[in-house]
């Protein structure tokens, strides 16, 4: 997932998920479920493009897992 993220998502979301370029959401504080994340990745949202024609279902699942790994723990 990290490789896919670095290849396609870093430009707007940044390496740590906090860049916010072009209105991209801060992924470290995202509370979206797997299904919600995958839907946005597949279909796009506002300025974010759809990735369903460029990424396989497996790649979308892997990048979803990677995005969740960027989240900041509330207990830190």
PDB file of N, CA and C in Angstrom:
ATOM      1  N   UNK A   1       0.796  -1.194   0.000  1.00  0.00           N
ATOM      2  CA  UNK A   1       0.000   0.000   0.000  1.00  0.00           C
ATOM      3  C   UNK A   1       0.841   1.260   0.000  1.00  0.00           C
ATOM      4  N   UNK A   2       1.955   1.206   0.703  1.00  0.00           N
ATOM      5  CA  UNK A   2       2.823   2.382   0.794  1.00  0.00           C
ATOM      6  C   UNK A   2       3.325   2.796  -0.587  1.00  0.00           C
ATOM      7  N   UNK A   3       3.724   1.829  -1.388  1.00  0.00           N
ATOM      8  CA  UNK A   3       4.240   2.118  -2.725  1.00  0.00           C
ATOM      9  C   UNK A   3       3.169   2.797  -3.593  1.00  0.00           C
ATOM     10  N   UNK A   4       1.953   2.278  -3.542  1.00  0.00           N
ATOM     11  CA  UNK A   4       0.843   2.859  -4.306  1.00  0.00           C
ATOM     12  C   UNK A   4       0.565   4.270  -3.796  1.00  0.00           C
ATOM     13  N   UNK A   5       0.536   4.443  -2.476  1.00  0.00           N
ATOM     14  CA  UNK A   5       0.300   5.753  -1.867  1.00  0.00           C
ATOM     15  C   UNK A   5       1.367   6.741  -2.320  1.00  0.00           C
ATOM     16  N   UNK A   6       2.629   6.334  -2.231  1.00  0.00           N
ATOM     17  CA  UNK A   6       3.723   7.237  -2.609  1.00  0.00           C
ATOM     18  C   UNK A   6       3.694   7.573  -4.100  1.00  0.00           C
ATOM     19  N   UNK A   7       3.217   6.662  -4.893  1.00  0.00           N
ATOM     20  CA  UNK A   7       3.152   6.877  -6.336  1.00  0.00           C
ATOM     21  C   UNK A   7       1.987   7.794  -6.735  1.00  0.00           C
ATOM     22  N   UNK A   8       0.845   7.667  -6.049  1.00  0.00           N
ATOM     23  CA  UNK A   8      -0.357   8.359  -6.510  1.00  0.00           C
ATOM     24  C   UNK A   8      -0.947   9.391  -5.547  1.00  0.00           C
ATOM     25  N   UNK A   9      -0.631   9.324  -4.273  1.00  0.00           N
ATOM     26  CA  UNK A   9      -1.342  10.142  -3.281  1.00  0.00           C
ATOM     27  C   UNK A   9      -0.497  11.234  -2.638  1.00  0.00           C
ATOM     28  N   UNK A  10       0.818  11.052  -2.624  1.00  0.00           N
ATOM     29  CA  UNK A  10       1.723  11.970  -1.929  1.00  0.00           C
ATOM     30  C   UNK A  10       1.609  13.405  -2.448  1.00  0.00           C
ATOM     31  N   UNK A  11       1.394  13.556  -3.717  1.00  0.00           N
ATOM     32  CA  UNK A  11       1.360  14.892  -4.317  1.00  0.00           C
ATOM     33  C   UNK A  11       0.380  15.808  -3.580  1.00  0.00           C
ATOM     34  N   UNK A  12      -0.768  15.299  -3.238  1.00  0.00           N
ATOM     35  CA  UNK A  12      -1.778  16.121  -2.564  1.00  0.00           C
ATOM     36  C   UNK A  12      -1.837  15.890  -1.057  1.00  0.00           C
ATOM     37  N   UNK A  13      -1.679  14.641  -0.622  1.00  0.00           N
ATOM     38  CA  UNK A  13      -1.828  14.314   0.798  1.00  0.00           C
ATOM     39  C   UNK A  13      -0.514  14.371   1.568  1.00  0.00           C
ATOM     40  N   UNK A  14       0.620  14.358   0.884  1.00  0.00           N
ATOM     41  CA  UNK A  14       1.917  14.398   1.558  1.00  0.00           C
ATOM     42  C   UNK A  14       2.333  13.045   2.091  1.00  0.00           C
ATOM     43  N   UNK A  15       3.630  12.911   2.392  1.00  0.00           N
ATOM     44  CA  UNK A  15       4.173  11.633   2.868  1.00  0.00           C
ATOM     45  C   UNK A  15       3.497  11.154   4.147  1.00  0.00           C
ATOM     46  N   UNK A  16       3.187  12.102   5.048  1.00  0.00           N
ATOM     47  CA  UNK A  16       2.591  11.709   6.332  1.00  0.00           C
ATOM     48  C   UNK A  16       1.073  11.896   6.365  1.00  0.00           C
ATOM     49  N   UNK A  17       0.476  12.283   5.237  1.00  0.00           N
ATOM     50  CA  UNK A  17      -0.977  12.428   5.150  1.00  0.00           C
ATOM     51  C   UNK A  17      -1.519  13.782   5.544  1.00  0.00           C
ATOM     52  N   UNK A  18      -0.627  14.752   5.864  1.00  0.00           N
ATOM     53  CA  UNK A  18      -1.087  16.045   6.381  1.00  0.00           C
ATOM     54  C   UNK A  18      -0.909  17.217   5.416  1.00  0.00           C
ATOM     55  N   UNK A  19      -0.465  16.982   4.219  1.00  0.00           N
ATOM     56  CA  UNK A  19      -0.114  18.083   3.316  1.00  0.00           C
ATOM     57  C   UNK A  19      -1.286  18.995   2.982  1.00  0.00           C
ATOM     58  N   UNK A  20      -2.419  18.435   2.633  1.00  0.00           N
ATOM     59  CA  UNK A  20      -3.601  19.240   2.362  1.00  0.00           C
ATOM     60  C   UNK A  20      -3.557  20.054   1.081  1.00  0.00           C
ATOM     61  N   UNK A  21      -2.744  19.659   0.129  1.00  0.00           N
ATOM     62  CA  UNK A  21      -2.662  20.366  -1.148  1.00  0.00           C
ATOM     63  C   UNK A  21      -3.989  20.268  -1.882  1.00  0.00           C
ATOM     64  N   UNK A  22      -4.449  21.357  -2.456  1.00  0.00           N
ATOM     65  CA  UNK A  22      -5.702  21.404  -3.233  1.00  0.00           C
ATOM     66  C   UNK A  22      -6.912  20.987  -2.395  1.00  0.00           C
ATOM     67  N   UNK A  23      -6.858  21.186  -1.086  1.00  0.00           N
ATOM     68  CA  UNK A  23      -7.984  20.832  -0.220  1.00  0.00           C
ATOM     69  C   UNK A  23      -8.009  19.378   0.208  1.00  0.00           C
ATOM     70  N   UNK A  24      -6.933  18.628  -0.045  1.00  0.00           N
ATOM     71  CA  UNK A  24      -6.873  17.214   0.351  1.00  0.00           C
ATOM     72  C   UNK A  24      -7.017  17.106   1.865  1.00  0.00           C
ATOM     73  N   UNK A  25      -7.772  16.124   2.296  1.00  0.00           N
ATOM     74  CA  UNK A  25      -8.030  15.917   3.722  1.00  0.00           C
ATOM     75  C   UNK A  25      -6.785  15.428   4.463  1.00  0.00           C
ATOM     76  N   UNK A  26      -6.708  15.775   5.742  1.00  0.00           N
ATOM     77  CA  UNK A  26      -5.639  15.301   6.610  1.00  0.00           C
ATOM     78  C   UNK A  26      -5.946  13.839   6.944  1.00  0.00           C
ATOM     79  N   UNK A  27      -5.153  12.943   6.421  1.00  0.00           N
ATOM     80  CA  UNK A  27      -5.402  11.513   6.589  1.00  0.00           C
ATOM     81  C   UNK A  27      -5.039  11.007   7.983  1.00  0.00           C
ATOM     82  N   UNK A  28      -4.217  11.779   8.717  1.00  0.00           N
ATOM     83  CA  UNK A  28      -3.855  11.351  10.069  1.00  0.00           C
ATOM     84  C   UNK A  28      -5.032  11.433  11.024  1.00  0.00           C
ATOM     85  N   UNK A  29      -5.988  12.304  10.732  1.00  0.00           N
ATOM     86  CA  UNK A  29      -7.136  12.449  11.640  1.00  0.00           C
ATOM     87  C   UNK A  29      -8.428  11.903  11.024  1.00  0.00           C
ATOM     88  N   UNK A  30      -8.309  11.235   9.900  1.00  0.00           N
ATOM     89  CA  UNK A  30      -9.478  10.658   9.239  1.00  0.00           C
ATOM     90  C   UNK A  30     -10.118   9.582  10.107  1.00  0.00           C
ATOM     91  N   UNK A  31     -11.433   9.603  10.147  1.00  0.00           N
ATOM     92  CA  UNK A  31     -12.173   8.570  10.884  1.00  0.00           C
ATOM     93  C   UNK A  31     -13.054   7.757   9.935  1.00  0.00           C
ATOM     94  N   UNK A  32     -12.790   7.883   8.646  1.00  0.00           N
ATOM     95  CA  UNK A  32     -13.577   7.147   7.661  1.00  0.00           C
ATOM     96  C   UNK A  32     -13.332   5.646   7.782  1.00  0.00           C
ATOM     97  N   UNK A  33     -14.374   4.876   7.522  1.00  0.00           N
ATOM     98  CA  UNK A  33     -14.266   3.415   7.540  1.00  0.00           C
ATOM     99  C   UNK A  33     -13.546   2.942   6.279  1.00  0.00           C
ATOM    100  N   UNK A  34     -13.189   1.673   6.257  1.00  0.00           N
ATOM    101  CA  UNK A  34     -12.559   1.088   5.071  1.00  0.00           C
ATOM    102  C   UNK A  34     -13.438   1.280   3.840  1.00  0.00           C
ATOM    103  N   UNK A  35     -14.723   1.010   3.983  1.00  0.00           N
ATOM    104  CA  UNK A  35     -15.654   1.124   2.856  1.00  0.00           C
ATOM    105  C   UNK A  35     -15.712   2.567   2.357  1.00  0.00           C
ATOM    106  N   UNK A  36     -15.767   3.527   3.283  1.00  0.00           N
ATOM    107  CA  UNK A  36     -15.811   4.936   2.894  1.00  0.00           C
ATOM    108  C   UNK A  36     -14.529   5.364   2.181  1.00  0.00           C
ATOM    109  N   UNK A  37     -13.383   4.953   2.716  1.00  0.00           N
ATOM    110  CA  UNK A  37     -12.103   5.272   2.075  1.00  0.00           C
ATOM    111  C   UNK A  37     -12.033   4.677   0.674  1.00  0.00           C
ATOM    112  N   UNK A  38     -12.401   3.415   0.556  1.00  0.00           N
ATOM    113  CA  UNK A  38     -12.332   2.735  -0.733  1.00  0.00           C
ATOM    114  C   UNK A  38     -13.285   3.360  -1.747  1.00  0.00           C
ATOM    115  N   UNK A  39     -14.440   3.788  -1.303  1.00  0.00           N
ATOM    116  CA  UNK A  39     -15.394   4.439  -2.198  1.00  0.00           C
ATOM    117  C   UNK A  39     -14.819   5.747  -2.734  1.00  0.00           C
ATOM    118  N   UNK A  40     -14.197   6.531  -1.857  1.00  0.00           N
ATOM    119  CA  UNK A  40     -13.595   7.797  -2.287  1.00  0.00           C
ATOM    120  C   UNK A  40     -12.420   7.546  -3.221  1.00  0.00           C
ATOM    121  N   UNK A  41     -11.587   6.567  -2.911  1.00  0.00           N
ATOM    122  CA  UNK A  41     -10.449   6.251  -3.784  1.00  0.00           C
ATOM    123  C   UNK A  41     -10.958   5.799  -5.151  1.00  0.00           C
ATOM    124  N   UNK A  42     -11.943   4.935  -5.165  1.00  0.00           N
ATOM    125  CA  UNK A  42     -12.498   4.430  -6.434  1.00  0.00           C
ATOM    126  C   UNK A  42     -13.154   5.533  -7.258  1.00  0.00           C
ATOM    127  N   UNK A  43     -14.011   6.310  -6.625  1.00  0.00           N
ATOM    128  CA  UNK A  43     -14.863   7.244  -7.352  1.00  0.00           C
ATOM    129  C   UNK A  43     -14.382   8.690  -7.355  1.00  0.00           C
ATOM    130  N   UNK A  44     -13.422   9.016  -6.486  1.00  0.00           N
ATOM    131  CA  UNK A  44     -12.980  10.398  -6.362  1.00  0.00           C
ATOM    132  C   UNK A  44     -13.962  11.207  -5.538  1.00  0.00           C
ATOM    133  N   UNK A  45     -13.576  12.439  -5.230  1.00  0.00           N
ATOM    134  CA  UNK A  45     -14.445  13.335  -4.468  1.00  0.00           C
ATOM    135  C   UNK A  45     -13.956  14.755  -4.708  1.00  0.00           C
ATOM    136  N   UNK A  46     -14.877  15.614  -5.130  1.00  0.00           N
ATOM    137  CA  UNK A  46     -14.538  16.993  -5.496  1.00  0.00           C
ATOM    138  C   UNK A  46     -13.380  16.983  -6.491  1.00  0.00           C
ATOM    139  N   UNK A  47     -12.252  17.582  -6.122  1.00  0.00           N
ATOM    140  CA  UNK A  47     -11.116  17.685  -7.057  1.00  0.00           C
ATOM    141  C   UNK A  47     -10.307  16.383  -7.147  1.00  0.00           C
ATOM    142  N   UNK A  48     -10.464  15.493  -6.155  1.00  0.00           N
ATOM    143  CA  UNK A  48      -9.715  14.227  -6.176  1.00  0.00           C
ATOM    144  C   UNK A  48     -10.232  13.341  -7.307  1.00  0.00           C
ATOM    145  N   UNK A  49      -9.315  12.853  -8.136  1.00  0.00           N
ATOM    146  CA  UNK A  49      -9.747  12.019  -9.268  1.00  0.00           C
ATOM    147  C   UNK A  49     -10.173  10.614  -8.846  1.00  0.00           C
ATOM    148  N   UNK A  50     -10.899   9.976  -9.710  1.00  0.00           N
ATOM    149  CA  UNK A  50     -11.273   8.575  -9.543  1.00  0.00           C
ATOM    150  C   UNK A  50     -10.065   7.713  -9.903  1.00  0.00           C
ATOM    151  N   UNK A  51      -9.836   6.667  -9.111  1.00  0.00           N
ATOM    152  CA  UNK A  51      -8.707   5.767  -9.375  1.00  0.00           C
ATOM    153  C   UNK A  51      -9.158   4.386  -9.829  1.00  0.00           C
ATOM    154  N   UNK A  52     -10.464   4.175 -10.024  1.00  0.00           N
ATOM    155  CA  UNK A  52     -10.965   2.834 -10.333  1.00  0.00           C
ATOM    156  C   UNK A  52     -10.449   2.275 -11.651  1.00  0.00           C
ATOM    157  N   UNK A  53     -10.045   3.116 -12.579  1.00  0.00           N
ATOM    158  CA  UNK A  53      -9.515   2.622 -13.854  1.00  0.00           C
ATOM    159  C   UNK A  53      -7.995   2.460 -13.820  1.00  0.00           C
ATOM    160  N   UNK A  54      -7.346   2.985 -12.787  1.00  0.00           N
ATOM    161  CA  UNK A  54      -5.886   2.928 -12.703  1.00  0.00           C
ATOM    162  C   UNK A  54      -5.371   1.975 -11.632  1.00  0.00           C
ATOM    163  N   UNK A  55      -6.195   1.710 -10.618  1.00  0.00           N
ATOM    164  CA  UNK A  55      -5.785   0.824  -9.525  1.00  0.00           C
ATOM    165  C   UNK A  55      -6.705  -0.386  -9.466  1.00  0.00           C
ATOM    166  N   UNK A  56      -6.120  -1.538  -9.186  1.00  0.00           N
ATOM    167  CA  UNK A  56      -6.923  -2.753  -9.019  1.00  0.00           C
ATOM    168  C   UNK A  56      -7.617  -2.712  -7.659  1.00  0.00           C
ATOM    169  N   UNK A  57      -8.589  -3.593  -7.467  1.00  0.00           N
ATOM    170  CA  UNK A  57      -9.272  -3.693  -6.175  1.00  0.00           C
ATOM    171  C   UNK A  57      -8.267  -4.001  -5.070  1.00  0.00           C
ATOM    172  N   UNK A  58      -7.306  -4.856  -5.374  1.00  0.00           N
ATOM    173  CA  UNK A  58      -6.273  -5.202  -4.387  1.00  0.00           C
ATOM    174  C   UNK A  58      -5.431  -3.985  -4.030  1.00  0.00           C
ATOM    175  N   UNK A  59      -5.046  -3.193  -5.015  1.00  0.00           N
ATOM    176  CA  UNK A  59      -4.255  -1.987  -4.748  1.00  0.00           C
ATOM    177  C   UNK A  59      -5.038  -0.990  -3.900  1.00  0.00           C
ATOM    178  N   UNK A  60      -6.331  -0.859  -4.167  1.00  0.00           N
ATOM    179  CA  UNK A  60      -7.168   0.048  -3.381  1.00  0.00           C
ATOM    180  C   UNK A  60      -7.252  -0.423  -1.934  1.00  0.00           C
ATOM    181  N   UNK A  61      -7.372  -1.728  -1.719  1.00  0.00           N
ATOM    182  CA  UNK A  61      -7.381  -2.275  -0.367  1.00  0.00           C
ATOM    183  C   UNK A  61      -6.049  -2.023   0.327  1.00  0.00           C
ATOM    184  N   UNK A  62      -4.951  -2.244  -0.380  1.00  0.00           N
ATOM    185  CA  UNK A  62      -3.626  -2.033   0.200  1.00  0.00           C
ATOM    186  C   UNK A  62      -3.395  -0.568   0.572  1.00  0.00           C
ATOM    187  N   UNK A  63      -3.795   0.344  -0.293  1.00  0.00           N
ATOM    188  CA  UNK A  63      -3.601   1.767   0.002  1.00  0.00           C
ATOM    189  C   UNK A  63      -4.530   2.201   1.145  1.00  0.00           C
ATOM    190  N   UNK A  64      -5.703   1.610   1.238  1.00  0.00           N
ATOM    191  CA  UNK A  64      -6.604   1.888   2.363  1.00  0.00           C
ATOM    192  C   UNK A  64      -5.934   1.482   3.677  1.00  0.00           C
ATOM    193  N   UNK A  65      -5.350   0.304   3.714  1.00  0.00           N
ATOM    194  CA  UNK A  65      -4.645  -0.151   4.913  1.00  0.00           C
ATOM    195  C   UNK A  65      -3.480   0.777   5.250  1.00  0.00           C
ATOM    196  N   UNK A  66      -2.763   1.230   4.235  1.00  0.00           N
ATOM    197  CA  UNK A  66      -1.643   2.137   4.474  1.00  0.00           C
ATOM    198  C   UNK A  66      -2.133   3.473   5.030  1.00  0.00           C
ATOM    199  N   UNK A  67      -3.214   3.999   4.466  1.00  0.00           N
ATOM    200  CA  UNK A  67      -3.776   5.267   4.956  1.00  0.00           C
ATOM    201  C   UNK A  67      -4.136   5.139   6.434  1.00  0.00           C
ATOM    202  N   UNK A  68      -4.730   4.023   6.814  1.00  0.00           N
ATOM    203  CA  UNK A  68      -5.084   3.814   8.220  1.00  0.00           C
ATOM    204  C   UNK A  68      -3.840   3.770   9.109  1.00  0.00           C
ATOM    205  N   UNK A  69      -2.712   3.317   8.568  1.00  0.00           N
ATOM    206  CA  UNK A  69      -1.472   3.265   9.358  1.00  0.00           C
ATOM    207  C   UNK A  69      -0.926   4.664   9.623  1.00  0.00           C
ATOM    208  N   UNK A  70      -1.358   5.647   8.852  1.00  0.00           N
ATOM    209  CA  UNK A  70      -0.907   7.038   9.058  1.00  0.00           C
ATOM    210  C   UNK A  70      -1.660   7.732  10.184  1.00  0.00           C
ATOM    211  N   UNK A  71      -2.779   7.160  10.577  1.00  0.00           N
ATOM    212  CA  UNK A  71      -3.620   7.808  11.600  1.00  0.00           C
ATOM    213  C   UNK A  71      -2.882   7.954  12.921  1.00  0.00           C
ATOM    214  N   UNK A  72      -3.091   9.085  13.538  1.00  0.00           N
ATOM    215  CA  UNK A  72      -2.488   9.375  14.838  1.00  0.00           C
ATOM    216  C   UNK A  72      -3.348   8.735  15.914  1.00  0.00           C
ATOM    217  N   UNK A  73      -2.729   7.993  16.794  1.00  0.00           N
ATOM    218  CA  UNK A  73      -3.458   7.356  17.880  1.00  0.00           C
ATOM    219  C   UNK A  73      -3.912   8.405  18.884  1.00  0.00           C
ATOM    220  N   UNK A  74      -5.122   8.297  19.339  1.00  0.00           N
ATOM    221  CA  UNK A  74      -5.687   9.223  20.324  1.00  0.00           C
ATOM    222  C   UNK A  74      -4.965   9.073  21.667  1.00  0.00           C
ATOM    223  N   UNK A  75      -4.396   7.907  21.900  1.00  0.00           N
ATOM    224  CA  UNK A  75      -3.744   7.629  23.182  1.00  0.00           C
ATOM    225  C   UNK A  75      -2.286   8.062  23.242  1.00  0.00           C
ATOM    226  N   UNK A  76      -1.773   8.693  22.219  1.00  0.00           N
ATOM    227  CA  UNK A  76      -0.360   9.081  22.236  1.00  0.00           C
ATOM    228  C   UNK A  76      -0.135  10.306  23.075  1.00  0.00           C
TER     229      UNK A  76
END
